[in-house]
N, C-alpha and C. Protein backbone atom coordinates (compact mmCIF):
# COMPACT_ATOMS: atom_id res chain seq x y z
N MET A 1 80.96 166.49 181.07
CA MET A 1 80.40 167.01 179.82
C MET A 1 79.98 168.48 179.96
N GLU A 2 79.40 168.82 181.13
CA GLU A 2 78.96 170.20 181.35
C GLU A 2 80.13 171.17 181.24
N LEU A 3 81.28 170.80 181.78
CA LEU A 3 82.46 171.67 181.70
C LEU A 3 82.91 171.85 180.26
N TYR A 4 82.90 170.79 179.48
CA TYR A 4 83.31 170.89 178.08
C TYR A 4 82.39 171.84 177.32
N VAL A 5 81.09 171.78 177.63
CA VAL A 5 80.13 172.65 176.97
C VAL A 5 80.32 174.10 177.43
N GLU A 6 80.52 174.28 178.73
CA GLU A 6 80.65 175.63 179.28
C GLU A 6 81.96 176.30 178.88
N ARG A 7 83.07 175.57 178.98
CA ARG A 7 84.38 176.18 178.82
C ARG A 7 85.09 175.80 177.51
N GLY A 8 84.64 174.73 176.86
CA GLY A 8 85.33 174.22 175.69
C GLY A 8 86.28 173.12 176.11
N PHE A 9 86.50 172.17 175.23
CA PHE A 9 87.33 171.01 175.57
C PHE A 9 88.76 171.41 175.92
N GLU A 10 89.35 172.24 175.07
CA GLU A 10 90.77 172.58 175.26
C GLU A 10 91.00 173.37 176.54
N GLN A 11 90.04 174.19 176.94
CA GLN A 11 90.21 175.02 178.11
C GLN A 11 89.93 174.28 179.42
N THR A 12 89.30 173.13 179.34
CA THR A 12 88.95 172.37 180.54
C THR A 12 90.12 171.50 180.98
N THR A 13 90.43 171.55 182.25
CA THR A 13 91.54 170.77 182.80
C THR A 13 91.03 169.55 183.57
N VAL A 14 91.92 168.58 183.74
CA VAL A 14 91.57 167.40 184.53
C VAL A 14 91.26 167.81 185.96
N ALA A 15 91.98 168.79 186.49
CA ALA A 15 91.74 169.27 187.85
C ALA A 15 90.31 169.81 187.99
N GLU A 16 89.84 170.53 186.97
CA GLU A 16 88.48 171.08 187.02
C GLU A 16 87.44 169.97 186.93
N ILE A 17 87.72 168.98 186.08
CA ILE A 17 86.79 167.84 185.98
C ILE A 17 86.72 167.10 187.31
N SER A 18 87.86 166.89 187.92
CA SER A 18 87.91 166.17 189.19
C SER A 18 87.15 166.93 190.27
N GLU A 19 87.34 168.25 190.29
CA GLU A 19 86.66 169.07 191.29
C GLU A 19 85.15 169.04 191.09
N ARG A 20 84.70 169.13 189.82
CA ARG A 20 83.27 169.14 189.53
C ARG A 20 82.62 167.81 189.89
N THR A 21 83.34 166.72 189.69
CA THR A 21 82.77 165.39 189.93
C THR A 21 83.06 164.85 191.32
N GLY A 22 83.87 165.58 192.08
CA GLY A 22 84.18 165.12 193.43
C GLY A 22 85.21 164.02 193.49
N LEU A 23 86.00 163.88 192.43
CA LEU A 23 87.05 162.87 192.38
C LEU A 23 88.41 163.52 192.57
N THR A 24 89.37 162.71 192.98
CA THR A 24 90.76 163.18 192.96
C THR A 24 91.31 162.95 191.57
N ALA A 25 92.39 163.66 191.24
CA ALA A 25 93.02 163.46 189.93
C ALA A 25 93.49 162.02 189.78
N ARG A 26 93.96 161.44 190.88
CA ARG A 26 94.43 160.05 190.82
C ARG A 26 93.29 159.11 190.47
N THR A 27 92.13 159.34 191.06
CA THR A 27 90.97 158.50 190.75
C THR A 27 90.53 158.69 189.30
N PHE A 28 90.58 159.94 188.85
CA PHE A 28 90.22 160.21 187.45
C PHE A 28 91.08 159.38 186.51
N PHE A 29 92.40 159.40 186.72
CA PHE A 29 93.30 158.69 185.82
C PHE A 29 93.23 157.18 185.99
N ARG A 30 92.61 156.74 187.06
CA ARG A 30 92.39 155.31 187.23
C ARG A 30 91.30 154.84 186.25
N HIS A 31 90.40 155.76 185.90
CA HIS A 31 89.29 155.41 185.01
C HIS A 31 89.52 155.85 183.57
N PHE A 32 90.26 156.95 183.37
CA PHE A 32 90.44 157.51 182.04
C PHE A 32 91.92 157.77 181.78
N ALA A 33 92.37 157.44 180.57
CA ALA A 33 93.77 157.69 180.22
C ALA A 33 94.05 159.18 180.12
N ASP A 34 93.09 159.94 179.63
CA ASP A 34 93.22 161.39 179.53
C ASP A 34 91.82 161.98 179.41
N LYS A 35 91.74 163.29 179.30
CA LYS A 35 90.40 163.92 179.31
C LYS A 35 89.60 163.62 178.05
N ARG A 36 90.25 163.20 176.97
CA ARG A 36 89.51 162.81 175.77
C ARG A 36 88.63 161.60 176.03
N GLU A 37 89.14 160.67 176.85
CA GLU A 37 88.45 159.41 177.05
C GLU A 37 87.13 159.57 177.79
N VAL A 38 86.92 160.72 178.41
CA VAL A 38 85.61 160.98 179.01
C VAL A 38 84.53 160.92 177.93
N LEU A 39 84.88 161.37 176.74
CA LEU A 39 83.93 161.41 175.62
C LEU A 39 83.82 160.08 174.88
N PHE A 40 84.80 159.21 175.07
CA PHE A 40 84.82 157.96 174.29
C PHE A 40 84.81 156.72 175.16
N ALA A 41 84.46 156.89 176.43
CA ALA A 41 84.52 155.77 177.36
C ALA A 41 83.55 154.65 177.00
N GLY A 42 82.47 154.98 176.29
CA GLY A 42 81.48 153.97 175.95
C GLY A 42 81.74 153.23 174.65
N SER A 43 82.86 153.50 174.00
CA SER A 43 83.13 152.90 172.69
C SER A 43 83.20 151.38 172.75
N GLY A 44 83.86 150.86 173.78
CA GLY A 44 83.98 149.42 173.90
C GLY A 44 82.64 148.74 174.08
N SER A 45 81.78 149.33 174.90
CA SER A 45 80.45 148.76 175.13
C SER A 45 79.61 148.81 173.87
N LEU A 46 79.73 149.91 173.11
CA LEU A 46 78.98 150.02 171.86
C LEU A 46 79.42 148.95 170.88
N GLN A 47 80.73 148.72 170.80
CA GLN A 47 81.24 147.69 169.89
C GLN A 47 80.73 146.31 170.30
N GLU A 48 80.74 146.02 171.60
CA GLU A 48 80.23 144.73 172.07
C GLU A 48 78.76 144.56 171.74
N LEU A 49 78.00 145.65 171.88
CA LEU A 49 76.57 145.61 171.58
C LEU A 49 76.33 145.32 170.10
N LEU A 50 77.05 146.03 169.23
CA LEU A 50 76.90 145.83 167.79
C LEU A 50 77.26 144.41 167.38
N VAL A 51 78.40 143.94 167.85
CA VAL A 51 78.87 142.60 167.45
C VAL A 51 77.95 141.53 168.03
N GLY A 52 77.48 141.73 169.27
CA GLY A 52 76.57 140.76 169.86
C GLY A 52 75.28 140.63 169.08
N ALA A 53 74.71 141.76 168.67
CA ALA A 53 73.48 141.73 167.88
C ALA A 53 73.72 141.11 166.51
N LEU A 54 74.87 141.39 165.93
CA LEU A 54 75.23 140.79 164.65
C LEU A 54 75.31 139.27 164.78
N ASP A 55 75.97 138.81 165.83
CA ASP A 55 76.10 137.37 166.05
C ASP A 55 74.76 136.69 166.28
N ASP A 56 73.82 137.43 166.89
CA ASP A 56 72.51 136.86 167.21
C ASP A 56 71.54 136.87 166.04
N ALA A 57 71.89 137.53 164.96
CA ALA A 57 71.01 137.55 163.78
C ALA A 57 70.83 136.13 163.25
N PRO A 58 69.67 135.82 162.70
CA PRO A 58 69.44 134.46 162.18
C PRO A 58 70.49 134.07 161.14
N ASP A 59 70.80 132.78 161.10
CA ASP A 59 71.79 132.30 160.14
C ASP A 59 71.38 132.60 158.71
N SER A 60 70.06 132.69 158.48
CA SER A 60 69.56 132.93 157.13
C SER A 60 69.66 134.40 156.71
N ALA A 61 69.98 135.29 157.66
CA ALA A 61 70.02 136.72 157.36
C ALA A 61 71.17 137.04 156.41
N SER A 62 70.91 137.90 155.45
CA SER A 62 71.97 138.36 154.54
C SER A 62 72.95 139.25 155.30
N PRO A 63 74.12 139.54 154.73
CA PRO A 63 75.07 140.43 155.43
C PRO A 63 74.46 141.77 155.83
N MET A 64 73.72 142.43 154.94
CA MET A 64 73.15 143.72 155.29
C MET A 64 72.01 143.60 156.30
N ALA A 65 71.28 142.49 156.26
CA ALA A 65 70.23 142.29 157.26
C ALA A 65 70.85 142.09 158.63
N ALA A 66 71.96 141.37 158.70
CA ALA A 66 72.64 141.17 159.97
C ALA A 66 73.19 142.50 160.49
N VAL A 67 73.76 143.30 159.59
CA VAL A 67 74.26 144.62 159.98
C VAL A 67 73.10 145.49 160.45
N SER A 68 71.95 145.40 159.78
CA SER A 68 70.78 146.18 160.19
C SER A 68 70.34 145.80 161.60
N ALA A 69 70.42 144.53 161.93
CA ALA A 69 70.08 144.09 163.28
C ALA A 69 71.03 144.72 164.30
N ALA A 70 72.31 144.80 163.94
CA ALA A 70 73.29 145.42 164.82
C ALA A 70 72.99 146.91 165.00
N LEU A 71 72.63 147.59 163.93
CA LEU A 71 72.29 149.01 164.02
C LEU A 71 71.04 149.22 164.86
N ALA A 72 70.09 148.29 164.77
CA ALA A 72 68.88 148.40 165.58
C ALA A 72 69.21 148.36 167.06
N ALA A 73 70.11 147.46 167.43
CA ALA A 73 70.52 147.35 168.84
C ALA A 73 71.23 148.62 169.30
N ALA A 74 72.10 149.16 168.44
CA ALA A 74 72.81 150.38 168.78
C ALA A 74 71.84 151.55 168.93
N ALA A 75 70.87 151.63 168.03
CA ALA A 75 69.90 152.73 168.07
C ALA A 75 69.06 152.67 169.34
N ALA A 76 68.69 151.47 169.75
CA ALA A 76 67.88 151.32 170.95
C ALA A 76 68.63 151.81 172.19
N ALA A 77 69.94 151.58 172.21
CA ALA A 77 70.75 152.00 173.36
C ALA A 77 71.08 153.49 173.29
N LEU A 78 71.60 153.94 172.16
CA LEU A 78 72.01 155.33 172.03
C LEU A 78 70.83 156.29 172.07
N GLY A 79 69.68 155.83 171.59
CA GLY A 79 68.52 156.70 171.48
C GLY A 79 67.93 157.14 172.81
N GLN A 80 68.40 156.57 173.91
CA GLN A 80 67.87 156.94 175.22
C GLN A 80 68.52 158.21 175.79
N HIS A 81 69.55 158.72 175.11
CA HIS A 81 70.34 159.81 175.69
C HIS A 81 70.56 160.92 174.66
N ARG A 82 69.49 161.48 174.16
CA ARG A 82 69.62 162.44 173.07
C ARG A 82 70.31 163.74 173.50
N GLU A 83 69.94 164.28 174.65
CA GLU A 83 70.53 165.55 175.07
C GLU A 83 72.02 165.40 175.34
N TYR A 84 72.39 164.33 176.00
CA TYR A 84 73.81 164.07 176.22
C TYR A 84 74.53 163.92 174.89
N SER A 85 73.92 163.18 173.97
CA SER A 85 74.53 162.96 172.66
C SER A 85 74.69 164.27 171.90
N ARG A 86 73.73 165.17 172.02
CA ARG A 86 73.82 166.48 171.38
C ARG A 86 75.00 167.27 171.94
N GLN A 87 75.13 167.27 173.24
CA GLN A 87 76.23 168.00 173.87
C GLN A 87 77.58 167.41 173.47
N ARG A 88 77.66 166.10 173.51
CA ARG A 88 78.90 165.42 173.13
C ARG A 88 79.27 165.74 171.69
N GLN A 89 78.29 165.68 170.80
CA GLN A 89 78.55 165.95 169.39
C GLN A 89 79.04 167.38 169.17
N SER A 90 78.48 168.33 169.90
CA SER A 90 78.89 169.73 169.74
C SER A 90 80.33 169.92 170.21
N VAL A 91 80.71 169.24 171.28
CA VAL A 91 82.09 169.34 171.77
C VAL A 91 83.05 168.73 170.76
N ILE A 92 82.71 167.58 170.22
CA ILE A 92 83.59 166.91 169.25
C ILE A 92 83.70 167.72 167.97
N ALA A 93 82.59 168.27 167.50
CA ALA A 93 82.59 169.04 166.25
C ALA A 93 83.48 170.27 166.33
N ALA A 94 83.69 170.79 167.53
CA ALA A 94 84.46 172.02 167.70
C ALA A 94 85.96 171.78 167.85
N ASN A 95 86.39 170.52 167.81
CA ASN A 95 87.79 170.21 168.07
C ASN A 95 88.30 169.19 167.06
N SER A 96 89.33 169.55 166.29
CA SER A 96 89.83 168.66 165.23
C SER A 96 90.40 167.36 165.78
N GLU A 97 91.05 167.43 166.93
CA GLU A 97 91.62 166.22 167.54
C GLU A 97 90.52 165.24 167.92
N LEU A 98 89.43 165.76 168.44
CA LEU A 98 88.31 164.90 168.82
C LEU A 98 87.60 164.35 167.60
N ARG A 99 87.50 165.14 166.54
CA ARG A 99 86.88 164.64 165.30
C ARG A 99 87.69 163.48 164.75
N GLU A 100 89.00 163.60 164.82
CA GLU A 100 89.86 162.50 164.35
C GLU A 100 89.67 161.26 165.21
N ARG A 101 89.55 161.45 166.50
CA ARG A 101 89.34 160.32 167.42
C ARG A 101 88.00 159.66 167.15
N GLU A 102 87.00 160.44 166.82
CA GLU A 102 85.68 159.89 166.50
C GLU A 102 85.74 159.06 165.21
N LEU A 103 86.50 159.52 164.23
CA LEU A 103 86.65 158.75 162.99
C LEU A 103 87.36 157.43 163.24
N ILE A 104 88.35 157.45 164.11
CA ILE A 104 89.06 156.22 164.47
C ILE A 104 88.10 155.24 165.15
N LYS A 105 87.24 155.77 166.03
CA LYS A 105 86.25 154.93 166.69
C LYS A 105 85.33 154.27 165.66
N MET A 106 84.84 155.06 164.71
CA MET A 106 83.95 154.53 163.69
C MET A 106 84.64 153.46 162.84
N ALA A 107 85.91 153.70 162.52
CA ALA A 107 86.67 152.71 161.74
C ALA A 107 86.82 151.41 162.52
N SER A 108 87.03 151.51 163.82
CA SER A 108 87.15 150.33 164.66
C SER A 108 85.84 149.54 164.70
N LEU A 109 84.71 150.26 164.74
CA LEU A 109 83.42 149.59 164.72
C LEU A 109 83.21 148.85 163.40
N ALA A 110 83.63 149.47 162.30
CA ALA A 110 83.48 148.83 160.99
C ALA A 110 84.32 147.55 160.92
N VAL A 111 85.54 147.62 161.44
CA VAL A 111 86.42 146.44 161.45
C VAL A 111 85.78 145.32 162.27
N ALA A 112 85.22 145.67 163.43
CA ALA A 112 84.60 144.66 164.29
C ALA A 112 83.39 144.02 163.61
N LEU A 113 82.57 144.83 162.92
CA LEU A 113 81.42 144.27 162.20
C LEU A 113 81.87 143.38 161.05
N ALA A 114 82.89 143.81 160.33
CA ALA A 114 83.39 143.00 159.21
C ALA A 114 83.92 141.67 159.72
N ASP A 115 84.64 141.68 160.83
CA ASP A 115 85.14 140.42 161.41
C ASP A 115 83.98 139.52 161.81
N GLY A 116 82.92 140.13 162.36
CA GLY A 116 81.76 139.35 162.73
C GLY A 116 81.07 138.72 161.53
N LEU A 117 81.00 139.45 160.43
CA LEU A 117 80.41 138.91 159.21
C LEU A 117 81.25 137.77 158.64
N ARG A 118 82.55 137.90 158.74
CA ARG A 118 83.42 136.81 158.26
C ARG A 118 83.20 135.54 159.09
N ARG A 119 82.97 135.71 160.38
CA ARG A 119 82.69 134.54 161.21
C ARG A 119 81.38 133.88 160.80
N ARG A 120 80.49 134.67 160.18
CA ARG A 120 79.23 134.12 159.69
C ARG A 120 79.39 133.48 158.31
N GLY A 121 80.60 133.50 157.77
CA GLY A 121 80.85 132.87 156.48
C GLY A 121 80.81 133.81 155.29
N VAL A 122 80.71 135.12 155.54
CA VAL A 122 80.68 136.09 154.45
C VAL A 122 82.11 136.30 153.94
N ASP A 123 82.27 136.39 152.64
CA ASP A 123 83.61 136.58 152.08
C ASP A 123 84.15 137.96 152.43
N ASP A 124 85.47 138.12 152.31
CA ASP A 124 86.14 139.33 152.77
C ASP A 124 85.56 140.60 152.15
N ALA A 125 85.40 140.60 150.84
CA ALA A 125 84.96 141.82 150.15
C ALA A 125 83.56 142.23 150.60
N ASN A 126 82.63 141.28 150.63
CA ASN A 126 81.26 141.61 151.02
C ASN A 126 81.16 141.96 152.50
N ALA A 127 81.97 141.31 153.31
CA ALA A 127 81.97 141.63 154.75
C ALA A 127 82.42 143.07 154.97
N SER A 128 83.50 143.46 154.30
CA SER A 128 84.00 144.82 154.46
C SER A 128 83.00 145.84 153.92
N LEU A 129 82.41 145.55 152.77
CA LEU A 129 81.47 146.49 152.15
C LEU A 129 80.23 146.67 153.02
N ALA A 130 79.66 145.57 153.50
CA ALA A 130 78.46 145.65 154.33
C ALA A 130 78.75 146.38 155.65
N ALA A 131 79.89 146.09 156.24
CA ALA A 131 80.25 146.73 157.51
C ALA A 131 80.46 148.23 157.33
N GLU A 132 81.21 148.61 156.31
CA GLU A 132 81.46 150.03 156.06
C GLU A 132 80.17 150.77 155.75
N ALA A 133 79.29 150.14 154.97
CA ALA A 133 78.01 150.76 154.64
C ALA A 133 77.17 150.94 155.91
N GLY A 134 77.18 149.94 156.77
CA GLY A 134 76.42 150.03 158.01
C GLY A 134 76.90 151.16 158.91
N ILE A 135 78.21 151.28 159.06
CA ILE A 135 78.75 152.34 159.91
C ILE A 135 78.52 153.70 159.29
N ALA A 136 78.55 153.80 157.97
CA ALA A 136 78.23 155.06 157.31
C ALA A 136 76.78 155.46 157.61
N VAL A 137 75.88 154.50 157.56
CA VAL A 137 74.48 154.76 157.91
C VAL A 137 74.37 155.22 159.36
N LEU A 138 75.07 154.54 160.26
CA LEU A 138 75.03 154.92 161.67
C LEU A 138 75.54 156.35 161.88
N ARG A 139 76.64 156.68 161.23
CA ARG A 139 77.23 158.01 161.41
C ARG A 139 76.30 159.10 160.88
N VAL A 140 75.78 158.91 159.67
CA VAL A 140 74.90 159.92 159.06
C VAL A 140 73.60 160.05 159.84
N ALA A 141 73.01 158.92 160.22
CA ALA A 141 71.74 158.95 160.96
C ALA A 141 71.93 159.59 162.34
N PHE A 142 73.02 159.26 163.00
CA PHE A 142 73.27 159.82 164.32
C PHE A 142 73.43 161.34 164.24
N GLU A 143 74.16 161.81 163.23
CA GLU A 143 74.34 163.26 163.08
C GLU A 143 73.01 163.95 162.82
N ARG A 144 72.18 163.35 161.99
CA ARG A 144 70.84 163.91 161.75
C ARG A 144 70.05 163.97 163.05
N TRP A 145 70.12 162.91 163.81
CA TRP A 145 69.33 162.79 165.04
C TRP A 145 69.70 163.86 166.07
N VAL A 146 70.99 164.17 166.17
CA VAL A 146 71.40 165.15 167.19
C VAL A 146 71.33 166.59 166.71
N THR A 147 71.24 166.82 165.40
CA THR A 147 71.27 168.19 164.90
C THR A 147 69.92 168.69 164.40
N GLU A 148 69.06 167.81 163.91
CA GLU A 148 67.80 168.25 163.36
C GLU A 148 66.78 168.51 164.47
N PRO A 149 65.89 169.49 164.29
CA PRO A 149 64.88 169.79 165.32
C PRO A 149 63.82 168.70 165.39
N GLY A 150 63.05 168.76 166.44
CA GLY A 150 61.97 167.79 166.60
C GLY A 150 62.39 166.64 167.50
N ASP A 151 61.39 165.89 167.94
CA ASP A 151 61.62 164.78 168.86
C ASP A 151 61.69 163.48 168.06
N GLN A 152 62.76 163.34 167.30
CA GLN A 152 62.90 162.17 166.44
C GLN A 152 63.41 160.97 167.23
N ASP A 153 63.03 159.80 166.77
CA ASP A 153 63.50 158.55 167.37
C ASP A 153 64.68 158.04 166.56
N LEU A 154 65.79 157.72 167.21
CA LEU A 154 66.98 157.28 166.49
C LEU A 154 66.73 156.00 165.70
N VAL A 155 65.92 155.12 166.25
CA VAL A 155 65.58 153.89 165.52
C VAL A 155 64.96 154.23 164.17
N GLN A 156 64.02 155.19 164.17
CA GLN A 156 63.36 155.57 162.93
C GLN A 156 64.32 156.28 161.97
N VAL A 157 65.21 157.11 162.51
CA VAL A 157 66.16 157.82 161.65
C VAL A 157 67.10 156.83 160.97
N ILE A 158 67.55 155.82 161.69
CA ILE A 158 68.41 154.80 161.09
C ILE A 158 67.63 153.99 160.06
N ARG A 159 66.38 153.68 160.39
CA ARG A 159 65.55 152.94 159.42
C ARG A 159 65.41 153.73 158.13
N ASP A 160 65.15 155.04 158.26
CA ASP A 160 65.01 155.89 157.07
C ASP A 160 66.32 155.96 156.28
N SER A 161 67.43 156.01 157.00
CA SER A 161 68.73 156.10 156.33
C SER A 161 69.06 154.81 155.58
N LEU A 162 68.69 153.69 156.15
CA LEU A 162 68.88 152.41 155.45
C LEU A 162 68.03 152.37 154.18
N ASP A 163 66.81 152.87 154.27
CA ASP A 163 65.95 152.93 153.08
C ASP A 163 66.57 153.84 152.02
N GLN A 164 67.15 154.97 152.45
CA GLN A 164 67.81 155.86 151.50
C GLN A 164 68.97 155.17 150.81
N LEU A 165 69.75 154.42 151.58
CA LEU A 165 70.88 153.71 150.98
C LEU A 165 70.40 152.67 149.98
N ARG A 166 69.35 151.96 150.32
CA ARG A 166 68.81 150.98 149.39
C ARG A 166 68.35 151.65 148.10
N ASN A 167 67.64 152.78 148.23
CA ASN A 167 67.16 153.49 147.04
C ASN A 167 68.31 154.02 146.20
N LEU A 168 69.37 154.50 146.86
CA LEU A 168 70.53 154.99 146.12
C LEU A 168 71.20 153.88 145.33
N THR A 169 71.36 152.72 145.94
CA THR A 169 72.03 151.62 145.23
C THR A 169 71.16 151.10 144.09
N ALA A 170 69.84 151.10 144.31
CA ALA A 170 68.94 150.67 143.23
C ALA A 170 69.01 151.64 142.06
N THR A 171 69.05 152.95 142.34
CA THR A 171 69.16 153.96 141.30
C THR A 171 70.47 153.84 140.55
N ALA A 172 71.57 153.62 141.30
CA ALA A 172 72.88 153.49 140.66
C ALA A 172 72.92 152.27 139.76
N ASP A 173 72.28 151.19 140.19
CA ASP A 173 72.27 149.96 139.38
C ASP A 173 71.54 150.19 138.07
N ARG A 174 70.39 150.90 138.13
CA ARG A 174 69.65 151.17 136.89
C ARG A 174 70.44 152.11 136.00
N GLY A 175 71.17 153.06 136.60
CA GLY A 175 71.94 154.02 135.82
C GLY A 175 73.10 153.41 135.07
N ARG A 176 73.51 152.21 135.49
CA ARG A 176 74.64 151.55 134.82
C ARG A 176 74.15 150.59 133.73
N GLY A 177 72.95 150.84 133.27
CA GLY A 177 72.46 150.06 132.14
C GLY A 177 71.81 148.76 132.55
N GLY A 178 71.42 148.67 133.82
CA GLY A 178 70.74 147.47 134.25
C GLY A 178 71.62 146.25 134.22
N ILE A 179 72.88 146.38 134.65
CA ILE A 179 73.79 145.24 134.66
C ILE A 179 73.19 144.09 135.45
N ARG A 180 72.63 144.42 136.59
CA ARG A 180 71.89 143.43 137.35
C ARG A 180 70.98 144.17 138.32
N GLU A 181 69.92 143.52 138.73
CA GLU A 181 69.04 144.11 139.71
C GLU A 181 69.68 143.99 141.08
N PRO A 182 69.47 144.97 141.96
CA PRO A 182 69.99 144.84 143.32
C PRO A 182 69.29 143.72 144.05
N ALA A 183 69.86 143.33 145.19
CA ALA A 183 69.25 142.28 146.00
C ALA A 183 67.83 142.68 146.34
N THR A 184 66.99 141.67 146.58
CA THR A 184 65.61 141.98 146.90
C THR A 184 65.54 142.78 148.19
N THR A 185 64.46 143.51 148.33
CA THR A 185 64.30 144.36 149.50
C THR A 185 64.45 143.56 150.79
N ALA A 186 63.85 142.38 150.83
CA ALA A 186 63.89 141.58 152.06
C ALA A 186 65.28 141.09 152.38
N ALA A 187 66.20 141.16 151.42
CA ALA A 187 67.54 140.63 151.66
C ALA A 187 68.37 141.50 152.58
N TRP A 188 68.02 142.81 152.67
CA TRP A 188 68.93 143.62 153.50
C TRP A 188 68.32 144.83 154.16
N THR A 189 67.04 145.06 154.01
CA THR A 189 66.47 146.24 154.64
C THR A 189 66.06 145.96 156.08
N TRP A 190 65.67 147.05 156.73
CA TRP A 190 65.31 147.01 158.14
C TRP A 190 64.20 146.00 158.42
N THR A 191 63.29 145.79 157.46
CA THR A 191 62.14 144.95 157.70
C THR A 191 62.47 143.48 157.60
N ASP A 192 63.69 143.14 157.23
CA ASP A 192 64.07 141.75 157.21
C ASP A 192 63.96 141.15 158.61
N GLN A 193 63.73 139.87 158.70
CA GLN A 193 63.48 139.22 159.98
C GLN A 193 64.58 139.50 161.00
N GLY A 194 65.82 139.48 160.57
CA GLY A 194 66.92 139.69 161.51
C GLY A 194 66.90 141.05 162.13
N ALA A 195 66.63 142.07 161.36
CA ALA A 195 66.60 143.43 161.90
C ALA A 195 65.35 143.66 162.72
N ALA A 196 64.23 143.16 162.25
CA ALA A 196 62.98 143.37 162.98
C ALA A 196 63.04 142.76 164.36
N ALA A 197 63.68 141.62 164.48
CA ALA A 197 63.75 140.94 165.78
C ALA A 197 64.49 141.79 166.80
N ALA A 198 65.42 142.59 166.34
CA ALA A 198 66.24 143.37 167.25
C ALA A 198 65.51 144.55 167.85
N VAL A 199 64.41 144.98 167.26
CA VAL A 199 63.72 146.16 167.77
C VAL A 199 62.39 145.81 168.45
N ARG A 200 62.12 144.51 168.60
CA ARG A 200 60.90 144.14 169.30
C ARG A 200 61.03 144.40 170.78
């Protein structure tokens, strides 16, 4: 990561990474398919963490409450490495290829969450909508966390972003002539039992 920050992603070679880390090029390629994967090596573990927390949510939890529990687990893990996350984000933001790879990663996480919701008995449309909304919250909250000043806690930033999403949907519902009231607050916000259990 230090080399990417110092020299830029495109200018950094596998040979330089190997030299800095004390590895041979052969050993490097045993662990990473290419130099991009240094930045995305944790994607599989993050997906397992999200899906595991989703599966562990109470059976009574609504789709958004279950997704909130998954986000809580992700925030607890990712929130321990803010400086690394800031550096990684700056490297990705400066390279269009890496930005595309990051979007693919996020899409994969949404698919995995939607599949997990379907296993919980949620219908296809609601599973996809809840999963996509959850990943959008994760992406926006994570970007705020790494770019805004101050010693913010990622758990709190995600909680605030979920509240913003709830308020936006409530406002949109009223703006459409009150077709129906949105789900109750306890049905999908962070304070629901399923999400709260994940941050204890």
